Amino acid sequence: MPVIRGARREVRGATAESPGPRFEVRGPQTTALALLVIALLGSRGVEAHEGARGVLEAGRWQWTWEPYVLVPLAISIVLYAIGVARLWRRAGRGRGVTYWQLASFAAGTMTIVVALLSPVAWISQILFSVHMTQHTLLMLVAAPLLTFGHPIFAWLWAFGDRGRDSIARRARRRQVVGAWHHLTAPLTVFILQAVALWLWHIPSWYQAALRNDAVHALEHLCFVLSASLFWWAMVNGRYGRAGYGLGVLYVFLTAIHSSALGALLAVSPEVWYGDYGQQAQVWTVDALADQQLAGLLMWIPAGMIFIVFGLALFAAWLGESEKRVAFGSADTSAHRLLKPRPHAR
């Protein structure tokens, strides 16, 4: 049987001796997904087409109930629900945590479920392009949605009055506040996210994650935490809305370096990750074409998401600048009206 992540997990549907799985594609959704992957992997022969179609067919019902993912996710959801319920009971519905923030957290949670528990996770063990899609969902969709949901504030309310006050007192200490300011500084979060992205795409690190569930969970945790800190600092940083201009700069810089990594994968003449090369042989998928598709996904669609976020921050920054200018003009006019006039002689 073909092995995923070393000898710890097996993928059903093919053997090392067979030339590759042959499946019939059933259902319009599976057919559409298969045609998309086949088209993107086109120019590589009929066997590659059959392999990609076979992977999609074999994995369409394969949900992955990883405890490293399921347990932390369940705990975060329960704490958030308890915290919001207690907060709304005290302050009223929609106060403290708004309906939009609740919806944002729910959408971020569902994105993690799709990326790490749904058939996407199973297929990502065989197709590198799907694995890249998984990482894009975590860093560019789940992380900002979770951040906009204000989870830390909701989690605090889950601990009750005494627990919340105790945690708040510790969090207000000068050392903790200083460390948090340094950790969420725009340059710091930019470097943290860049290091996480590039470090985990080093072949030895990447394949270690493929072969060990705990290391794989650590990789995903690094992606989500670094991206969450990045988006929090861009939107809720120490400079408030006045710092959106700096946020625009770092968002575009992040788009540049992540697109550069995608471009390197797309134009590379060799397969970077040997484990995907072995899976490609078993499932008759062209590993190099799959890697090129993964690089294109990181290069273009992910880059477009960064550009959209950057433009949104830029628009918010311009709006804030106009407000400050208007406020400054009004303040100057009021000062002139209140200033006593010199008496005429």
C-alpha atoms as a PDB file:
ATOM      1  CA  MET A   1       0.000   0.000   0.000  1.00  0.00           C
ATOM      2  CA  PRO A   2       1.272   3.532  -0.656  1.00  0.00           C
ATOM      3  CA  VAL A   3       2.323   5.164   2.545  1.00  0.00           C
ATOM      4  CA  ILE A   4       1.713   8.748   3.669  1.00  0.00           C
ATOM      5  CA  ARG A   5       3.786  10.347   6.447  1.00  0.00           C
ATOM      6  CA  GLY A   6       6.305   7.546   6.729  1.00  0.00           C
ATOM      7  CA  ALA A   7       4.796   4.253   7.845  1.00  0.00           C
ATOM      8  CA  ARG A   8       2.021   5.712   9.977  1.00  0.00           C
ATOM      9  CA  ARG A   9      -0.829   6.067   7.493  1.00  0.00           C
ATOM     10  CA  GLU A  10      -1.923   4.253   4.375  1.00  0.00           C
ATOM     11  CA  VAL A  11      -3.957   5.530   1.453  1.00  0.00           C
ATOM     12  CA  ARG A  12      -6.487   3.089   0.097  1.00  0.00           C
ATOM     13  CA  GLY A  13      -7.235   2.563  -3.568  1.00  0.00           C
ATOM     14  CA  ALA A  14      -3.912   1.570  -5.115  1.00  0.00           C
ATOM     15  CA  THR A  15      -0.916  -0.674  -4.566  1.00  0.00           C
ATOM     16  CA  ALA A  16       2.697  -0.095  -5.381  1.00  0.00           C
ATOM     17  CA  GLU A  17       2.501  -2.868  -7.967  1.00  0.00           C
ATOM     18  CA  SER A  18      -0.535  -1.497  -9.785  1.00  0.00           C
ATOM     19  CA  PRO A  19      -0.042   1.076 -12.556  1.00  0.00           C
ATOM     20  CA  GLY A  20      -2.447   3.395 -10.803  1.00  0.00           C
ATOM     21  CA  PRO A  21      -6.044   3.621  -9.671  1.00  0.00           C
ATOM     22  CA  ARG A  22      -8.849   3.736 -12.202  1.00  0.00           C
ATOM     23  CA  PHE A  23     -12.118   5.208 -10.985  1.00  0.00           C
ATOM     24  CA  GLU A  24     -15.296   6.477 -12.499  1.00  0.00           C
ATOM     25  CA  VAL A  25     -16.121  10.032 -11.508  1.00  0.00           C
ATOM     26  CA  ARG A  26     -19.620  10.313 -10.061  1.00  0.00           C
ATOM     27  CA  GLY A  27     -21.641  13.378  -9.254  1.00  0.00           C
ATOM     28  CA  PRO A  28     -21.468  16.860 -10.798  1.00  0.00           C
ATOM     29  CA  GLN A  29     -19.344  18.400  -8.010  1.00  0.00           C
ATOM     30  CA  THR A  30     -16.695  15.685  -8.165  1.00  0.00           C
ATOM     31  CA  THR A  31     -16.738  15.851 -11.957  1.00  0.00           C
ATOM     32  CA  ALA A  32     -16.196  19.618 -11.926  1.00  0.00           C
ATOM     33  CA  LEU A  33     -13.325  19.358  -9.429  1.00  0.00           C
ATOM     34  CA  ALA A  34     -11.745  16.531 -11.376  1.00  0.00           C
ATOM     35  CA  LEU A  35     -11.983  18.454 -14.650  1.00  0.00           C
ATOM     36  CA  LEU A  36     -10.372  21.488 -13.010  1.00  0.00           C
ATOM     37  CA  VAL A  37      -7.388  19.537 -11.714  1.00  0.00           C
ATOM     38  CA  ILE A  38      -7.103  17.573 -14.943  1.00  0.00           C
ATOM     39  CA  ALA A  39      -7.100  20.789 -16.975  1.00  0.00           C
ATOM     40  CA  LEU A  40      -4.447  22.339 -14.748  1.00  0.00           C
ATOM     41  CA  LEU A  41      -2.355  19.206 -14.937  1.00  0.00           C
ATOM     42  CA  GLY A  42      -3.004  18.948 -18.693  1.00  0.00           C
ATOM     43  CA  SER A  43      -0.024  18.776 -21.095  1.00  0.00           C
ATOM     44  CA  ARG A  44       1.365  15.888 -19.051  1.00  0.00           C
ATOM     45  CA  GLY A  45      -0.431  12.930 -20.594  1.00  0.00           C
ATOM     46  CA  VAL A  46      -3.484  10.774 -20.114  1.00  0.00           C
ATOM     47  CA  GLU A  47      -2.024   8.829 -17.188  1.00  0.00           C
ATOM     48  CA  ALA A  48      -1.610  12.023 -15.165  1.00  0.00           C
ATOM     49  CA  HIS A  49      -5.240  12.837 -15.907  1.00  0.00           C
ATOM     50  CA  GLU A  50      -6.422   9.439 -14.739  1.00  0.00           C
ATOM     51  CA  GLY A  51      -4.279   9.723 -11.597  1.00  0.00           C
ATOM     52  CA  ALA A  52      -5.626  13.131 -10.577  1.00  0.00           C
ATOM     53  CA  ARG A  53      -9.165  11.989 -11.225  1.00  0.00           C
ATOM     54  CA  GLY A  54      -8.567   8.836  -9.202  1.00  0.00           C
ATOM     55  CA  VAL A  55      -7.196  10.766  -6.230  1.00  0.00           C
ATOM     56  CA  LEU A  56     -10.218  13.056  -6.182  1.00  0.00           C
ATOM     57  CA  GLU A  57     -12.621  10.160  -6.454  1.00  0.00           C
ATOM     58  CA  ALA A  58     -10.900   8.127  -3.744  1.00  0.00           C
ATOM     59  CA  GLY A  59     -10.708  11.046  -1.340  1.00  0.00           C
ATOM     60  CA  ARG A  60     -14.077  12.692  -1.723  1.00  0.00           C
ATOM     61  CA  TRP A  61     -15.555  10.997   1.384  1.00  0.00           C
ATOM     62  CA  GLN A  62     -12.340  10.709   3.414  1.00  0.00           C
ATOM     63  CA  TRP A  63     -12.656  12.916   6.487  1.00  0.00           C
ATOM     64  CA  THR A  64      -9.596  13.045   8.748  1.00  0.00           C
ATOM     65  CA  TRP A  65     -10.356  13.147  12.463  1.00  0.00           C
ATOM     66  CA  GLU A  66      -6.917  14.121  13.726  1.00  0.00           C
ATOM     67  CA  PRO A  67      -6.870  14.579  17.533  1.00  0.00           C
ATOM     68  CA  TYR A  68      -4.114  17.205  17.186  1.00  0.00           C
ATOM     69  CA  VAL A  69      -6.622  19.292  15.223  1.00  0.00           C
ATOM     70  CA  LEU A  70      -9.974  18.195  16.611  1.00  0.00           C
ATOM     71  CA  VAL A  71      -9.262  18.668  20.336  1.00  0.00           C
ATOM     72  CA  PRO A  72      -7.815  22.234  20.218  1.00  0.00           C
ATOM     73  CA  LEU A  73     -10.489  23.280  17.725  1.00  0.00           C
ATOM     74  CA  ALA A  74     -13.295  21.907  19.908  1.00  0.00           C
ATOM     75  CA  ILE A  75     -11.864  23.609  23.016  1.00  0.00           C
ATOM     76  CA  SER A  76     -11.610  26.980  21.257  1.00  0.00           C
ATOM     77  CA  ILE A  77     -15.188  26.733  19.960  1.00  0.00           C
ATOM     78  CA  VAL A  78     -16.602  25.775  23.381  1.00  0.00           C
ATOM     79  CA  LEU A  79     -14.708  28.563  25.176  1.00  0.00           C
ATOM     80  CA  TYR A  80     -15.806  31.121  22.574  1.00  0.00           C
ATOM     81  CA  ALA A  81     -19.458  30.036  22.819  1.00  0.00           C
ATOM     82  CA  ILE A  82     -19.437  30.140  26.637  1.00  0.00           C
ATOM     83  CA  GLY A  83     -17.678  33.506  26.665  1.00  0.00           C
ATOM     84  CA  VAL A  84     -20.072  35.134  24.207  1.00  0.00           C
ATOM     85  CA  ALA A  85     -23.099  33.725  26.049  1.00  0.00           C
ATOM     86  CA  ARG A  86     -21.903  35.128  29.387  1.00  0.00           C
ATOM     87  CA  LEU A  87     -20.953  38.464  27.872  1.00  0.00           C
ATOM     88  CA  TRP A  88     -24.288  38.901  26.117  1.00  0.00           C
ATOM     89  CA  ARG A  89     -26.144  37.851  29.252  1.00  0.00           C
ATOM     90  CA  ARG A  90     -24.377  40.674  31.089  1.00  0.00           C
ATOM     91  CA  ALA A  91     -24.178  43.408  28.449  1.00  0.00           C
ATOM     92  CA  GLY A  92     -26.935  42.505  26.003  1.00  0.00           C
ATOM     93  CA  ARG A  93     -26.949  40.712  22.671  1.00  0.00           C
ATOM     94  CA  GLY A  94     -24.533  42.051  20.099  1.00  0.00           C
ATOM     95  CA  ARG A  95     -22.498  44.040  22.661  1.00  0.00           C
ATOM     96  CA  GLY A  96     -18.852  43.382  23.445  1.00  0.00           C
ATOM     97  CA  VAL A  97     -18.760  40.842  20.629  1.00  0.00           C
ATOM     98  CA  THR A  98     -20.920  41.916  17.707  1.00  0.00           C
ATOM     99  CA  TYR A  99     -22.912  39.641  15.441  1.00  0.00           C
ATOM    100  CA  TRP A 100     -20.413  40.306  12.662  1.00  0.00           C
ATOM    101  CA  GLN A 101     -17.522  39.258  14.894  1.00  0.00           C
ATOM    102  CA  LEU A 102     -19.361  36.098  15.896  1.00  0.00           C
ATOM    103  CA  ALA A 103     -20.006  35.312  12.227  1.00  0.00           C
ATOM    104  CA  SER A 104     -16.346  35.984  11.418  1.00  0.00           C
ATOM    105  CA  PHE A 105     -15.143  33.557  14.080  1.00  0.00           C
ATOM    106  CA  ALA A 106     -17.639  30.931  12.913  1.00  0.00           C
ATOM    107  CA  ALA A 107     -16.485  31.336   9.300  1.00  0.00           C
ATOM    108  CA  GLY A 108     -12.837  31.056  10.351  1.00  0.00           C
ATOM    109  CA  THR A 109     -13.611  27.893  12.304  1.00  0.00           C
ATOM    110  CA  MET A 110     -15.432  26.370   9.349  1.00  0.00           C
ATOM    111  CA  THR A 111     -12.459  27.211   7.133  1.00  0.00           C
ATOM    112  CA  ILE A 112     -10.164  25.264   9.471  1.00  0.00           C
ATOM    113  CA  VAL A 113     -12.590  22.331   9.379  1.00  0.00           C
ATOM    114  CA  VAL A 114     -12.524  22.368   5.572  1.00  0.00           C
ATOM    115  CA  ALA A 115      -8.735  22.697   5.437  1.00  0.00           C
ATOM    116  CA  LEU A 116      -7.738  20.187   8.116  1.00  0.00           C
ATOM    117  CA  LEU A 117     -10.593  17.705   8.601  1.00  0.00           C
ATOM    118  CA  SER A 118     -12.499  17.487   5.314  1.00  0.00           C
ATOM    119  CA  PRO A 119     -11.447  15.444   2.247  1.00  0.00           C
ATOM    120  CA  VAL A 120      -9.148  18.360   1.382  1.00  0.00           C
ATOM    121  CA  ALA A 121      -6.814  17.151   4.153  1.00  0.00           C
ATOM    122  CA  TRP A 122      -6.808  13.564   2.836  1.00  0.00           C
ATOM    123  CA  ILE A 123      -6.184  14.595  -0.767  1.00  0.00           C
ATOM    124  CA  SER A 124      -3.440  17.021   0.338  1.00  0.00           C
ATOM    125  CA  GLN A 125      -1.371  14.019   1.421  1.00  0.00           C
ATOM    126  CA  ILE A 126      -1.126  12.957  -2.225  1.00  0.00           C
ATOM    127  CA  LEU A 127      -1.384  16.167  -4.271  1.00  0.00           C
ATOM    128  CA  PHE A 128       1.006  18.963  -3.361  1.00  0.00           C
ATOM    129  CA  SER A 129      -1.234  21.505  -5.098  1.00  0.00           C
ATOM    130  CA  VAL A 130      -4.093  20.663  -2.731  1.00  0.00           C
ATOM    131  CA  HIS A 131      -1.703  20.887   0.220  1.00  0.00           C
ATOM    132  CA  MET A 132      -0.780  24.383  -0.926  1.00  0.00           C
ATOM    133  CA  THR A 133      -4.470  25.239  -1.127  1.00  0.00           C
ATOM    134  CA  GLN A 134      -4.801  24.001   2.451  1.00  0.00           C
ATOM    135  CA  HIS A 135      -2.048  26.358   3.643  1.00  0.00           C
ATOM    136  CA  THR A 136      -3.595  29.257   1.747  1.00  0.00           C
ATOM    137  CA  LEU A 137      -6.920  28.635   3.469  1.00  0.00           C
ATOM    138  CA  LEU A 138      -5.216  28.629   6.875  1.00  0.00           C
ATOM    139  CA  MET A 139      -3.105  31.770   6.447  1.00  0.00           C
ATOM    140  CA  LEU A 140      -5.240  33.971   4.196  1.00  0.00           C
ATOM    141  CA  VAL A 141      -8.800  32.952   5.073  1.00  0.00           C
ATOM    142  CA  ALA A 142      -9.018  31.281   8.489  1.00  0.00           C
ATOM    143  CA  ALA A 143      -6.435  33.455  10.272  1.00  0.00           C
ATOM    144  CA  PRO A 144      -7.946  36.885   9.412  1.00  0.00           C
ATOM    145  CA  LEU A 145     -11.496  35.640  10.020  1.00  0.00           C
ATOM    146  CA  LEU A 146     -10.572  34.281  13.446  1.00  0.00           C
ATOM    147  CA  THR A 147      -8.702  37.480  14.292  1.00  0.00           C
ATOM    148  CA  PHE A 148     -11.636  39.704  13.325  1.00  0.00           C
ATOM    149  CA  GLY A 149     -13.816  37.578  15.631  1.00  0.00           C
ATOM    150  CA  HIS A 150     -11.927  38.843  18.733  1.00  0.00           C
ATOM    151  CA  PRO A 151     -11.472  35.346  20.203  1.00  0.00           C
ATOM    152  CA  ILE A 152      -9.192  36.336  23.109  1.00  0.00           C
ATOM    153  CA  PHE A 153     -11.803  38.719  24.497  1.00  0.00           C
ATOM    154  CA  ALA A 154     -14.533  36.069  24.212  1.00  0.00           C
ATOM    155  CA  TRP A 155     -12.324  33.369  25.739  1.00  0.00           C
ATOM    156  CA  LEU A 156     -11.648  35.577  28.763  1.00  0.00           C
ATOM    157  CA  TRP A 157     -15.362  35.783  29.489  1.00  0.00           C
ATOM    158  CA  ALA A 158     -15.559  31.993  29.501  1.00  0.00           C
ATOM    159  CA  PHE A 159     -13.569  31.870  32.758  1.00  0.00           C
ATOM    160  CA  GLY A 160     -16.102  33.736  34.888  1.00  0.00           C
ATOM    161  CA  ASP A 161     -15.574  36.909  36.914  1.00  0.00           C
ATOM    162  CA  ARG A 162     -12.794  35.678  39.205  1.00  0.00           C
ATOM    163  CA  GLY A 163     -10.853  33.879  36.510  1.00  0.00           C
ATOM    164  CA  ARG A 164     -11.214  36.781  34.112  1.00  0.00           C
ATOM    165  CA  ASP A 165     -10.055  39.335  36.704  1.00  0.00           C
ATOM    166  CA  SER A 166      -7.078  37.170  37.642  1.00  0.00           C
ATOM    167  CA  ILE A 167      -5.991  36.781  34.015  1.00  0.00           C
ATOM    168  CA  ALA A 168      -6.564  40.493  33.338  1.00  0.00           C
ATOM    169  CA  ARG A 169      -4.400  41.528  36.300  1.00  0.00           C
ATOM    170  CA  ARG A 170      -1.542  39.392  35.049  1.00  0.00           C
ATOM    171  CA  ALA A 171      -1.991  40.649  31.491  1.00  0.00           C
ATOM    172  CA  ARG A 172      -1.775  44.294  32.652  1.00  0.00           C
ATOM    173  CA  ARG A 173       1.697  43.858  34.123  1.00  0.00           C
ATOM    174  CA  ARG A 174       4.291  46.091  32.568  1.00  0.00           C
ATOM    175  CA  GLN A 175       6.435  43.166  31.391  1.00  0.00           C
ATOM    176  CA  VAL A 176       3.480  41.446  29.722  1.00  0.00           C
ATOM    177  CA  VAL A 177       2.257  44.628  28.039  1.00  0.00           C
ATOM    178  CA  GLY A 178       5.766  45.414  26.822  1.00  0.00           C
ATOM    179  CA  ALA A 179       6.268  41.901  25.474  1.00  0.00           C
ATOM    180  CA  TRP A 180       2.903  42.039  23.683  1.00  0.00           C
ATOM    181  CA  HIS A 181       3.752  45.400  22.094  1.00  0.00           C
ATOM    182  CA  HIS A 182       7.068  44.043  20.848  1.00  0.00           C
ATOM    183  CA  LEU A 183       5.478  40.800  19.630  1.00  0.00           C
ATOM    184  CA  THR A 184       2.749  42.597  17.677  1.00  0.00           C
ATOM    185  CA  ALA A 185       4.933  45.344  16.221  1.00  0.00           C
ATOM    186  CA  PRO A 186       4.418  45.474  12.420  1.00  0.00           C
ATOM    187  CA  LEU A 187       8.026  44.583  11.626  1.00  0.00           C
ATOM    188  CA  THR A 188       8.011  41.708  14.139  1.00  0.00           C
ATOM    189  CA  VAL A 189       4.849  40.056  12.811  1.00  0.00           C
ATOM    190  CA  PHE A 190       6.064  40.534   9.245  1.00  0.00           C
ATOM    191  CA  ILE A 191       9.298  38.686  10.067  1.00  0.00           C
ATOM    192  CA  LEU A 192       7.505  35.968  12.055  1.00  0.00           C
ATOM    193  CA  GLN A 193       5.125  35.162   9.224  1.00  0.00           C
ATOM    194  CA  ALA A 194       7.896  35.224   6.621  1.00  0.00           C
ATOM    195  CA  VAL A 195      10.097  32.900   8.713  1.00  0.00           C
ATOM    196  CA  ALA A 196       7.195  30.480   9.301  1.00  0.00           C
ATOM    197  CA  LEU A 197       6.319  30.390   5.605  1.00  0.00           C
ATOM    198  CA  TRP A 198       9.838  29.911   4.247  1.00  0.00           C
ATOM    199  CA  LEU A 199      11.152  27.663   7.017  1.00  0.00           C
ATOM    200  CA  TRP A 200       8.341  25.126   6.685  1.00  0.00           C
ATOM    201  CA  HIS A 201       8.870  24.931   2.919  1.00  0.00           C
ATOM    202  CA  ILE A 202      12.475  23.786   3.312  1.00  0.00           C
ATOM    203  CA  PRO A 203      12.346  20.221   1.939  1.00  0.00           C
ATOM    204  CA  SER A 204      13.613  18.529   5.118  1.00  0.00           C
ATOM    205  CA  TRP A 205      11.113  20.431   7.295  1.00  0.00           C
ATOM    206  CA  TYR A 206       8.222  19.951   4.885  1.00  0.00           C
ATOM    207  CA  GLN A 207       8.756  16.223   4.580  1.00  0.00           C
ATOM    208  CA  ALA A 208       9.127  15.867   8.345  1.00  0.00           C
ATOM    209  CA  ALA A 209       5.622  17.320   8.614  1.00  0.00           C
ATOM    210  CA  LEU A 210       4.335  14.889   5.985  1.00  0.00           C
ATOM    211  CA  ARG A 211       5.724  11.903   7.884  1.00  0.00           C
ATOM    212  CA  ASN A 212       4.656  12.809  11.429  1.00  0.00           C
ATOM    213  CA  ASP A 213       1.208  13.954  12.567  1.00  0.00           C
ATOM    214  CA  ALA A 214       2.531  15.917  15.545  1.00  0.00           C
ATOM    215  CA  VAL A 215       5.047  17.812  13.401  1.00  0.00           C
ATOM    216  CA  HIS A 216       2.334  18.416  10.811  1.00  0.00           C
ATOM    217  CA  ALA A 217       0.055  19.868  13.499  1.00  0.00           C
ATOM    218  CA  LEU A 218       2.936  22.071  14.683  1.00  0.00           C
ATOM    219  CA  GLU A 219       3.430  23.332  11.120  1.00  0.00           C
ATOM    220  CA  HIS A 220      -0.234  24.281  10.816  1.00  0.00           C
ATOM    221  CA  LEU A 221      -0.178  25.892  14.268  1.00  0.00           C
ATOM    222  CA  CYS A 222       2.787  28.041  13.226  1.00  0.00           C
ATOM    223  CA  PHE A 223       0.959  29.112  10.079  1.00  0.00           C
ATOM    224  CA  VAL A 224      -2.268  30.027  11.885  1.00  0.00           C
ATOM    225  CA  LEU A 225      -0.619  31.792  14.845  1.00  0.00           C
ATOM    226  CA  SER A 226       1.889  33.787  12.776  1.00  0.00           C
ATOM    227  CA  ALA A 227      -0.804  34.801  10.293  1.00  0.00           C
ATOM    228  CA  SER A 228      -3.260  35.695  13.087  1.00  0.00           C
ATOM    229  CA  LEU A 229      -0.656  37.909  14.774  1.00  0.00           C
ATOM    230  CA  PHE A 230       0.098  39.499  11.407  1.00  0.00           C
ATOM    231  CA  TRP A 231      -3.529  40.370  10.643  1.00  0.00           C
ATOM    232  CA  TRP A 232      -4.199  41.521  14.209  1.00  0.00           C
ATOM    233  CA  ALA A 233      -1.213  43.876  14.069  1.00  0.00           C
ATOM    234  CA  MET A 234      -2.266  45.232  10.674  1.00  0.00           C
ATOM    235  CA  VAL A 235      -5.846  45.999  11.800  1.00  0.00           C
ATOM    236  CA  ASN A 236      -5.637  46.512  15.585  1.00  0.00           C
ATOM    237  CA  GLY A 237      -2.016  47.546  16.045  1.00  0.00           C
ATOM    238  CA  ARG A 238      -0.671  50.043  18.520  1.00  0.00           C
ATOM    239  CA  TYR A 239      -1.160  52.956  16.100  1.00  0.00           C
ATOM    240  CA  GLY A 240      -4.852  52.193  15.518  1.00  0.00           C
ATOM    241  CA  ARG A 241      -6.345  53.248  12.216  1.00  0.00           C
ATOM    242  CA  ALA A 242      -3.602  55.822  11.757  1.00  0.00           C
ATOM    243  CA  GLY A 243      -1.234  52.872  11.296  1.00  0.00           C
ATOM    244  CA  TYR A 244      -3.125  51.427   8.331  1.00  0.00           C
ATOM    245  CA  GLY A 245      -0.685  53.103   5.971  1.00  0.00           C
ATOM    246  CA  LEU A 246       2.165  51.109   7.511  1.00  0.00           C
ATOM    247  CA  GLY A 247      -0.046  48.030   7.330  1.00  0.00           C
ATOM    248  CA  VAL A 248      -0.465  48.510   3.590  1.00  0.00           C
ATOM    249  CA  LEU A 249       3.324  48.462   3.190  1.00  0.00           C
ATOM    250  CA  TYR A 250       3.774  45.213   5.122  1.00  0.00           C
ATOM    251  CA  VAL A 251       0.844  43.495   3.399  1.00  0.00           C
ATOM    252  CA  PHE A 252       2.348  44.222  -0.009  1.00  0.00           C
ATOM    253  CA  LEU A 253       5.823  43.147   1.177  1.00  0.00           C
ATOM    254  CA  THR A 254       4.304  39.881   2.406  1.00  0.00           C
ATOM    255  CA  ALA A 255       2.584  39.430  -0.949  1.00  0.00           C
ATOM    256  CA  ILE A 256       5.942  39.902  -2.686  1.00  0.00           C
ATOM    257  CA  HIS A 257       7.925  37.345  -0.682  1.00  0.00           C
ATOM    258  CA  SER A 258       5.141  34.717  -0.657  1.00  0.00           C
ATOM    259  CA  SER A 259       4.667  35.153  -4.413  1.00  0.00           C
ATOM    260  CA  ALA A 260       8.423  34.746  -4.825  1.00  0.00           C
ATOM    261  CA  LEU A 261       8.247  31.365  -3.085  1.00  0.00           C
ATOM    262  CA  GLY A 262       5.361  30.373  -5.333  1.00  0.00           C
ATOM    263  CA  ALA A 263       7.291  31.459  -8.412  1.00  0.00           C
ATOM    264  CA  LEU A 264      10.302  29.371  -7.372  1.00  0.00           C
ATOM    265  CA  LEU A 265       8.082  26.317  -7.052  1.00  0.00           C
ATOM    266  CA  ALA A 266       6.367  27.020 -10.364  1.00  0.00           C
ATOM    267  CA  VAL A 267       9.522  27.427 -12.445  1.00  0.00           C
ATOM    268  CA  SER A 268      11.668  24.797 -10.752  1.00  0.00           C
ATOM    269  CA  PRO A 269      12.748  22.020 -13.147  1.00  0.00           C
ATOM    270  CA  GLU A 270      12.938  19.499 -10.274  1.00  0.00           C
ATOM    271  CA  VAL A 271      10.510  18.157  -7.675  1.00  0.00           C
ATOM    272  CA  TRP A 272      11.314  19.626  -4.260  1.00  0.00           C
ATOM    273  CA  TYR A 273       9.662  17.021  -2.072  1.00  0.00           C
ATOM    274  CA  GLY A 274      10.535  13.374  -2.647  1.00  0.00           C
ATOM    275  CA  ASP A 275       7.504  12.054  -0.751  1.00  0.00           C
ATOM    276  CA  TYR A 276       5.176  13.683  -3.267  1.00  0.00           C
ATOM    277  CA  GLY A 277       7.288  12.234  -6.042  1.00  0.00           C
ATOM    278  CA  GLN A 278       6.727   8.741  -4.636  1.00  0.00           C
ATOM    279  CA  GLN A 279       2.998   9.315  -4.288  1.00  0.00           C
ATOM    280  CA  ALA A 280       2.889  10.606  -7.859  1.00  0.00           C
ATOM    281  CA  GLN A 281       4.366   7.349  -9.130  1.00  0.00           C
ATOM    282  CA  VAL A 282       1.775   5.274  -7.293  1.00  0.00           C
ATOM    283  CA  TRP A 283      -1.197   7.414  -8.346  1.00  0.00           C
ATOM    284  CA  THR A 284       0.179   8.126 -11.863  1.00  0.00           C
ATOM    285  CA  VAL A 285       0.215  11.882 -11.312  1.00  0.00           C
ATOM    286  CA  ASP A 286       2.992  14.038 -12.760  1.00  0.00           C
ATOM    287  CA  ALA A 287       4.772  15.332  -9.652  1.00  0.00           C
ATOM    288  CA  LEU A 288       6.441  18.238 -11.434  1.00  0.00           C
ATOM    289  CA  ALA A 289       3.145  19.434 -12.947  1.00  0.00           C
ATOM    290  CA  ASP A 290       1.519  19.140  -9.531  1.00  0.00           C
ATOM    291  CA  GLN A 291       4.315  21.222  -7.995  1.00  0.00           C
ATOM    292  CA  GLN A 292       4.008  23.833 -10.736  1.00  0.00           C
ATOM    293  CA  LEU A 293       0.291  24.090 -10.041  1.00  0.00           C
ATOM    294  CA  ALA A 294       1.028  24.508  -6.310  1.00  0.00           C
ATOM    295  CA  GLY A 295       3.477  27.296  -7.076  1.00  0.00           C
ATOM    296  CA  LEU A 296       0.971  29.040  -9.323  1.00  0.00           C
ATOM    297  CA  LEU A 297      -1.664  28.862  -6.572  1.00  0.00           C
ATOM    298  CA  MET A 298       0.702  30.534  -4.099  1.00  0.00           C
ATOM    299  CA  TRP A 299       1.920  32.982  -6.711  1.00  0.00           C
ATOM    300  CA  ILE A 300      -1.303  34.301  -8.278  1.00  0.00           C
ATOM    301  CA  PRO A 301      -4.509  33.572  -6.285  1.00  0.00           C
ATOM    302  CA  ALA A 302      -2.814  34.017  -2.905  1.00  0.00           C
ATOM    303  CA  GLY A 303      -1.101  37.154  -4.169  1.00  0.00           C
ATOM    304  CA  MET A 304      -4.456  38.527  -5.292  1.00  0.00           C
ATOM    305  CA  ILE A 305      -5.882  37.976  -1.792  1.00  0.00           C
ATOM    306  CA  PHE A 306      -3.009  39.989  -0.315  1.00  0.00           C
ATOM    307  CA  ILE A 307      -3.655  42.754  -2.836  1.00  0.00           C
ATOM    308  CA  VAL A 308      -7.354  42.875  -1.891  1.00  0.00           C
ATOM    309  CA  PHE A 309      -6.470  43.139   1.804  1.00  0.00           C
ATOM    310  CA  GLY A 310      -3.874  45.786   1.053  1.00  0.00           C
ATOM    311  CA  LEU A 311      -6.312  47.876  -0.965  1.00  0.00           C
ATOM    312  CA  ALA A 312      -8.916  47.585   1.816  1.00  0.00           C
ATOM    313  CA  LEU A 313      -6.382  48.840   4.359  1.00  0.00           C
ATOM    314  CA  PHE A 314      -5.354  51.626   1.986  1.00  0.00           C
ATOM    315  CA  ALA A 315      -8.979  52.747   1.592  1.00  0.00           C
ATOM    316  CA  ALA A 316      -9.474  52.677   5.371  1.00  0.00           C
ATOM    317  CA  TRP A 317      -6.261  54.655   5.842  1.00  0.00           C
ATOM    318  CA  LEU A 318      -7.398  57.318   3.364  1.00  0.00           C
ATOM    319  CA  GLY A 319     -10.766  57.548   5.117  1.00  0.00           C
ATOM    320  CA  GLU A 320      -9.078  57.953   8.491  1.00  0.00           C
ATOM    321  CA  SER A 321      -6.732  60.604   7.069  1.00  0.00           C
ATOM    322  CA  GLU A 322      -9.699  62.565   5.727  1.00  0.00           C
ATOM    323  CA  LYS A 323     -11.370  62.409   9.134  1.00  0.00           C
ATOM    324  CA  ARG A 324      -8.218  63.651  10.846  1.00  0.00           C
ATOM    325  CA  VAL A 325      -7.876  66.496   8.354  1.00  0.00           C
ATOM    326  CA  ALA A 326     -11.542  67.438   8.793  1.00  0.00           C
ATOM    327  CA  PHE A 327     -11.234  67.251  12.562  1.00  0.00           C
ATOM    328  CA  GLY A 328      -8.102  69.374  12.440  1.00  0.00           C
ATOM    329  CA  SER A 329      -9.836  71.986  10.280  1.00  0.00           C
ATOM    330  CA  ALA A 330     -12.867  72.071  12.595  1.00  0.00           C
ATOM    331  CA  ASP A 331     -10.631  72.328  15.643  1.00  0.00           C
ATOM    332  CA  THR A 332      -8.704  75.213  14.075  1.00  0.00           C
ATOM    333  CA  SER A 333     -11.932  77.035  13.183  1.00  0.00           C
ATOM    334  CA  ALA A 334     -13.291  76.603  16.693  1.00  0.00           C
ATOM    335  CA  HIS A 335     -10.022  77.866  18.131  1.00  0.00           C
ATOM    336  CA  ARG A 336     -10.243  80.976  15.964  1.00  0.00           C
ATOM    337  CA  LEU A 337     -13.860  81.631  17.013  1.00  0.00           C
ATOM    338  CA  LEU A 338     -13.076  81.249  20.705  1.00  0.00           C
ATOM    339  CA  LYS A 339      -9.891  83.300  20.554  1.00  0.00           C
ATOM    340  CA  PRO A 340     -10.574  86.767  22.009  1.00  0.00           C
ATOM    341  CA  ARG A 341     -10.332  89.612  19.518  1.00  0.00           C
ATOM    342  CA  PRO A 342      -8.012  92.507  20.297  1.00  0.00           C
ATOM    343  CA  HIS A 343      -9.853  95.666  21.404  1.00  0.00           C
ATOM    344  CA  ALA A 344      -9.923  98.434  18.897  1.00  0.00           C
ATOM    345  CA  ARG A 345      -8.081 101.556  19.934  1.00  0.00           C
END
